[in-house]
Amino acid sequence: MAGWLIEEHGTRVRDFIRALNDDRAFKEARALIELLASRGNRLQPPRSKPLGDGLFEMRGRQVRIFYTFRSGHRIVLLDAIVKKRDDIPREVLARVRQLNNQVR
């Protein structure tokens, strides 16, 4: 089966990756997106975690990338953050849920 089409909602994820100062975090973010493109909805924990309402989190050691699935074998990247703690900050989760609602 062919890979998934990766799209972005706005430029948040692209801007996030470009702004990463740590080369390891940069490479990790790119690798996570490539993994998502190849595995799609077969990606399982600990790399991918459902957050409810069709929203997912891709987890690396240093970064988190938030995304959702759409028809036509498409994945829409919504936002990304540097991982500083185990849970997702409340304000980040609220923002990502709002972004997810915009692409429905």
N, C-alpha and C. Protein backbone atom coordinates (compact mmCIF):
# COMPACT_ATOMS: atom_id res chain seq x y z
N MET A 1 0.84 -1.18 0.00
CA MET A 1 0.00 0.00 0.00
C MET A 1 0.88 1.25 0.00
N ALA A 2 0.49 2.24 -0.75
CA ALA A 2 1.24 3.50 -0.84
C ALA A 2 1.18 4.24 0.49
N GLY A 3 2.13 5.15 0.67
CA GLY A 3 2.17 5.94 1.89
C GLY A 3 1.02 6.93 1.97
N TRP A 4 0.96 7.58 3.05
CA TRP A 4 -0.07 8.57 3.31
C TRP A 4 0.40 9.94 2.81
N LEU A 5 -0.55 10.76 2.40
CA LEU A 5 -0.26 12.12 1.98
C LEU A 5 -0.23 13.01 3.22
N ILE A 6 0.87 13.68 3.45
CA ILE A 6 1.02 14.58 4.60
C ILE A 6 0.72 16.00 4.14
N GLU A 7 -0.22 16.64 4.83
CA GLU A 7 -0.57 18.04 4.57
C GLU A 7 -0.39 18.82 5.85
N GLU A 8 -0.34 20.12 5.72
CA GLU A 8 -0.25 20.99 6.90
C GLU A 8 -1.45 21.91 6.97
N HIS A 9 -1.92 22.15 8.17
CA HIS A 9 -2.94 23.17 8.41
C HIS A 9 -2.17 24.42 8.79
N GLY A 10 -2.01 25.32 7.84
CA GLY A 10 -1.18 26.50 8.08
C GLY A 10 0.29 26.12 8.02
N THR A 11 1.12 26.91 8.68
CA THR A 11 2.58 26.66 8.63
C THR A 11 3.18 26.40 10.01
N ARG A 12 2.35 26.12 10.99
CA ARG A 12 2.84 25.95 12.36
C ARG A 12 3.92 24.88 12.48
N VAL A 13 3.68 23.71 11.88
CA VAL A 13 4.64 22.62 12.02
C VAL A 13 5.92 22.93 11.26
N ARG A 14 5.79 23.43 10.05
CA ARG A 14 6.97 23.80 9.25
C ARG A 14 7.79 24.86 9.98
N ASP A 15 7.12 25.88 10.50
CA ASP A 15 7.82 26.94 11.23
C ASP A 15 8.50 26.40 12.49
N PHE A 16 7.82 25.49 13.17
CA PHE A 16 8.38 24.87 14.37
C PHE A 16 9.68 24.13 14.03
N ILE A 17 9.64 23.31 12.98
CA ILE A 17 10.81 22.52 12.60
C ILE A 17 11.97 23.43 12.18
N ARG A 18 11.66 24.45 11.42
CA ARG A 18 12.71 25.38 10.98
C ARG A 18 13.35 26.12 12.15
N ALA A 19 12.60 26.35 13.19
CA ALA A 19 13.09 27.12 14.34
C ALA A 19 13.88 26.27 15.34
N LEU A 20 13.86 24.96 15.18
CA LEU A 20 14.59 24.10 16.12
C LEU A 20 16.08 24.37 16.05
N ASN A 21 16.68 24.67 17.19
CA ASN A 21 18.10 24.95 17.26
C ASN A 21 18.93 23.68 17.47
N ASP A 22 18.30 22.66 18.01
CA ASP A 22 18.97 21.40 18.31
C ASP A 22 18.89 20.48 17.09
N ASP A 23 20.03 20.09 16.56
CA ASP A 23 20.07 19.25 15.37
C ASP A 23 19.37 17.91 15.60
N ARG A 24 19.51 17.35 16.82
CA ARG A 24 18.85 16.07 17.11
C ARG A 24 17.34 16.22 17.09
N ALA A 25 16.82 17.31 17.64
CA ALA A 25 15.37 17.55 17.64
C ALA A 25 14.88 17.75 16.21
N PHE A 26 15.66 18.47 15.41
CA PHE A 26 15.30 18.70 14.01
C PHE A 26 15.19 17.36 13.27
N LYS A 27 16.21 16.53 13.41
CA LYS A 27 16.21 15.23 12.74
C LYS A 27 15.08 14.34 13.27
N GLU A 28 14.82 14.42 14.56
CA GLU A 28 13.74 13.62 15.14
C GLU A 28 12.39 14.03 14.56
N ALA A 29 12.13 15.33 14.47
CA ALA A 29 10.86 15.81 13.93
C ALA A 29 10.68 15.34 12.49
N ARG A 30 11.71 15.46 11.68
CA ARG A 30 11.63 15.00 10.28
C ARG A 30 11.40 13.49 10.21
N ALA A 31 12.09 12.74 11.06
CA ALA A 31 11.94 11.28 11.07
C ALA A 31 10.54 10.87 11.51
N LEU A 32 9.97 11.57 12.47
CA LEU A 32 8.62 11.26 12.92
C LEU A 32 7.61 11.48 11.80
N ILE A 33 7.76 12.56 11.06
CA ILE A 33 6.85 12.84 9.96
C ILE A 33 6.99 11.78 8.86
N GLU A 34 8.22 11.38 8.58
CA GLU A 34 8.44 10.33 7.58
C GLU A 34 7.82 9.00 8.04
N LEU A 35 7.97 8.69 9.32
CA LEU A 35 7.38 7.48 9.87
C LEU A 35 5.85 7.54 9.76
N LEU A 36 5.29 8.67 10.08
CA LEU A 36 3.84 8.85 9.98
C LEU A 36 3.37 8.68 8.54
N ALA A 37 4.11 9.22 7.59
CA ALA A 37 3.75 9.10 6.18
C ALA A 37 3.76 7.65 5.72
N SER A 38 4.68 6.87 6.24
CA SER A 38 4.77 5.48 5.80
C SER A 38 3.83 4.55 6.56
N ARG A 39 3.58 4.81 7.83
CA ARG A 39 2.77 3.90 8.66
C ARG A 39 1.33 4.36 8.83
N GLY A 40 1.09 5.68 8.79
CA GLY A 40 -0.26 6.20 8.91
C GLY A 40 -1.00 5.69 10.12
N ASN A 41 -2.20 5.15 9.89
CA ASN A 41 -3.04 4.71 11.01
C ASN A 41 -2.58 3.38 11.63
N ARG A 42 -1.49 2.82 11.14
CA ARG A 42 -0.92 1.61 11.76
C ARG A 42 0.11 1.97 12.83
N LEU A 43 0.43 3.24 12.96
CA LEU A 43 1.39 3.68 13.97
C LEU A 43 0.75 3.53 15.35
N GLN A 44 1.45 2.90 16.26
CA GLN A 44 0.92 2.57 17.58
C GLN A 44 1.72 3.24 18.69
N PRO A 45 1.18 3.22 19.93
CA PRO A 45 1.96 3.68 21.07
C PRO A 45 3.24 2.84 21.18
N PRO A 46 4.31 3.39 21.60
CA PRO A 46 4.44 4.70 22.23
C PRO A 46 4.65 5.85 21.24
N ARG A 47 4.78 5.59 19.94
CA ARG A 47 5.03 6.67 18.97
C ARG A 47 3.81 7.53 18.71
N SER A 48 2.64 6.94 18.68
CA SER A 48 1.41 7.68 18.38
C SER A 48 0.39 7.41 19.48
N LYS A 49 -0.29 8.47 19.89
CA LYS A 49 -1.26 8.34 20.97
C LYS A 49 -2.53 9.10 20.60
N PRO A 50 -3.71 8.45 20.68
CA PRO A 50 -4.95 9.18 20.42
C PRO A 50 -5.27 10.13 21.57
N LEU A 51 -5.78 11.32 21.21
CA LEU A 51 -6.14 12.31 22.22
C LEU A 51 -7.64 12.56 22.25
N GLY A 52 -8.40 11.81 21.44
CA GLY A 52 -9.86 11.95 21.39
C GLY A 52 -10.30 12.86 20.27
N ASP A 53 -11.52 12.68 19.82
CA ASP A 53 -12.13 13.49 18.76
C ASP A 53 -11.30 13.51 17.48
N GLY A 54 -10.65 12.39 17.15
CA GLY A 54 -9.89 12.30 15.91
C GLY A 54 -8.54 13.00 15.94
N LEU A 55 -8.11 13.41 17.10
CA LEU A 55 -6.84 14.11 17.27
C LEU A 55 -5.79 13.12 17.79
N PHE A 56 -4.57 13.20 17.25
CA PHE A 56 -3.50 12.31 17.64
C PHE A 56 -2.23 13.10 17.95
N GLU A 57 -1.39 12.47 18.75
CA GLU A 57 -0.10 13.05 19.11
C GLU A 57 0.99 12.06 18.70
N MET A 58 1.97 12.54 17.97
CA MET A 58 3.14 11.75 17.63
C MET A 58 4.21 12.11 18.64
N ARG A 59 4.78 11.10 19.28
CA ARG A 59 5.69 11.33 20.40
C ARG A 59 7.11 10.91 20.07
N GLY A 60 8.02 11.84 20.23
CA GLY A 60 9.44 11.54 20.16
C GLY A 60 10.06 11.81 21.51
N ARG A 61 11.35 11.71 21.59
CA ARG A 61 12.03 12.03 22.86
C ARG A 61 12.02 13.52 23.13
N GLN A 62 12.11 14.34 22.06
CA GLN A 62 12.25 15.78 22.25
C GLN A 62 11.09 16.59 21.69
N VAL A 63 10.31 16.02 20.78
CA VAL A 63 9.23 16.78 20.15
C VAL A 63 7.93 16.00 20.18
N ARG A 64 6.85 16.75 20.06
CA ARG A 64 5.51 16.19 19.90
C ARG A 64 4.90 16.86 18.68
N ILE A 65 4.27 16.07 17.85
CA ILE A 65 3.61 16.60 16.65
C ILE A 65 2.16 16.15 16.71
N PHE A 66 1.25 17.09 16.55
CA PHE A 66 -0.19 16.82 16.63
C PHE A 66 -0.77 16.75 15.23
N TYR A 67 -1.67 15.79 15.01
CA TYR A 67 -2.20 15.57 13.67
C TYR A 67 -3.58 14.92 13.72
N THR A 68 -4.20 14.87 12.55
CA THR A 68 -5.50 14.23 12.39
C THR A 68 -5.55 13.55 11.03
N PHE A 69 -6.42 12.58 10.91
CA PHE A 69 -6.61 11.87 9.64
C PHE A 69 -7.79 12.47 8.89
N ARG A 70 -7.69 12.48 7.58
CA ARG A 70 -8.78 12.94 6.71
C ARG A 70 -8.98 11.91 5.61
N SER A 71 -10.10 12.00 4.92
CA SER A 71 -10.40 11.05 3.86
C SER A 71 -9.35 11.14 2.75
N GLY A 72 -9.27 10.11 1.95
CA GLY A 72 -8.33 10.12 0.84
C GLY A 72 -6.90 9.81 1.26
N HIS A 73 -6.73 9.05 2.36
CA HIS A 73 -5.39 8.66 2.81
C HIS A 73 -4.53 9.88 3.14
N ARG A 74 -5.17 10.90 3.77
CA ARG A 74 -4.46 12.14 4.10
C ARG A 74 -4.30 12.28 5.61
N ILE A 75 -3.16 12.86 5.98
CA ILE A 75 -2.88 13.21 7.37
C ILE A 75 -2.59 14.70 7.40
N VAL A 76 -3.26 15.41 8.29
CA VAL A 76 -3.06 16.86 8.40
C VAL A 76 -2.29 17.15 9.69
N LEU A 77 -1.11 17.74 9.53
CA LEU A 77 -0.30 18.16 10.68
C LEU A 77 -0.87 19.48 11.20
N LEU A 78 -1.08 19.54 12.50
CA LEU A 78 -1.74 20.71 13.09
C LEU A 78 -0.77 21.63 13.84
N ASP A 79 0.10 21.05 14.64
CA ASP A 79 0.98 21.85 15.49
C ASP A 79 2.08 20.95 16.04
N ALA A 80 3.07 21.54 16.65
CA ALA A 80 4.17 20.78 17.25
C ALA A 80 4.75 21.60 18.40
N ILE A 81 5.32 20.88 19.37
CA ILE A 81 5.96 21.53 20.51
C ILE A 81 7.22 20.76 20.89
N VAL A 82 8.09 21.43 21.62
CA VAL A 82 9.22 20.75 22.24
C VAL A 82 8.68 20.12 23.52
N LYS A 83 9.02 18.86 23.71
CA LYS A 83 8.54 18.12 24.87
C LYS A 83 9.35 18.53 26.10
N LYS A 84 8.65 19.11 27.09
CA LYS A 84 9.32 19.55 28.31
C LYS A 84 8.82 18.79 29.53
N ARG A 85 7.70 18.09 29.39
CA ARG A 85 7.14 17.31 30.48
C ARG A 85 6.30 16.18 29.89
N ASP A 86 5.85 15.27 30.74
CA ASP A 86 5.13 14.09 30.23
C ASP A 86 3.73 14.41 29.74
N ASP A 87 3.04 15.32 30.41
CA ASP A 87 1.68 15.64 29.97
C ASP A 87 1.71 16.83 29.01
N ILE A 88 0.62 17.00 28.29
CA ILE A 88 0.50 18.12 27.35
C ILE A 88 -0.05 19.31 28.12
N PRO A 89 0.61 20.46 28.05
CA PRO A 89 0.08 21.65 28.74
C PRO A 89 -1.36 21.94 28.29
N ARG A 90 -2.18 22.32 29.23
CA ARG A 90 -3.61 22.56 28.97
C ARG A 90 -3.84 23.55 27.84
N GLU A 91 -3.06 24.63 27.80
CA GLU A 91 -3.26 25.64 26.76
C GLU A 91 -2.88 25.10 25.38
N VAL A 92 -1.87 24.23 25.33
CA VAL A 92 -1.47 23.62 24.06
C VAL A 92 -2.57 22.68 23.57
N LEU A 93 -3.10 21.87 24.47
CA LEU A 93 -4.16 20.94 24.09
C LEU A 93 -5.40 21.69 23.60
N ALA A 94 -5.74 22.78 24.26
CA ALA A 94 -6.89 23.59 23.82
C ALA A 94 -6.65 24.16 22.43
N ARG A 95 -5.45 24.67 22.17
CA ARG A 95 -5.12 25.23 20.86
C ARG A 95 -5.17 24.15 19.77
N VAL A 96 -4.63 22.98 20.06
CA VAL A 96 -4.60 21.90 19.07
C VAL A 96 -6.02 21.40 18.79
N ARG A 97 -6.84 21.32 19.81
CA ARG A 97 -8.24 20.91 19.60
C ARG A 97 -8.97 21.93 18.72
N GLN A 98 -8.71 23.20 18.93
CA GLN A 98 -9.31 24.24 18.10
C GLN A 98 -8.84 24.11 16.65
N LEU A 99 -7.58 23.87 16.44
CA LEU A 99 -7.05 23.67 15.09
C LEU A 99 -7.69 22.45 14.43
N ASN A 100 -7.86 21.39 15.21
CA ASN A 100 -8.48 20.18 14.68
C ASN A 100 -9.91 20.45 14.23
N ASN A 101 -10.63 21.25 14.99
CA ASN A 101 -12.00 21.60 14.62
C ASN A 101 -12.05 22.43 13.34
N GLN A 102 -11.02 23.19 13.07
CA GLN A 102 -10.98 24.03 11.85
C GLN A 102 -10.81 23.20 10.59
N VAL A 103 -10.21 22.03 10.68
CA VAL A 103 -9.97 21.23 9.47
C VAL A 103 -11.03 20.17 9.25
N ARG A 104 -12.02 20.08 10.10
CA ARG A 104 -13.09 19.07 9.94
C ARG A 104 -13.95 19.37 8.76
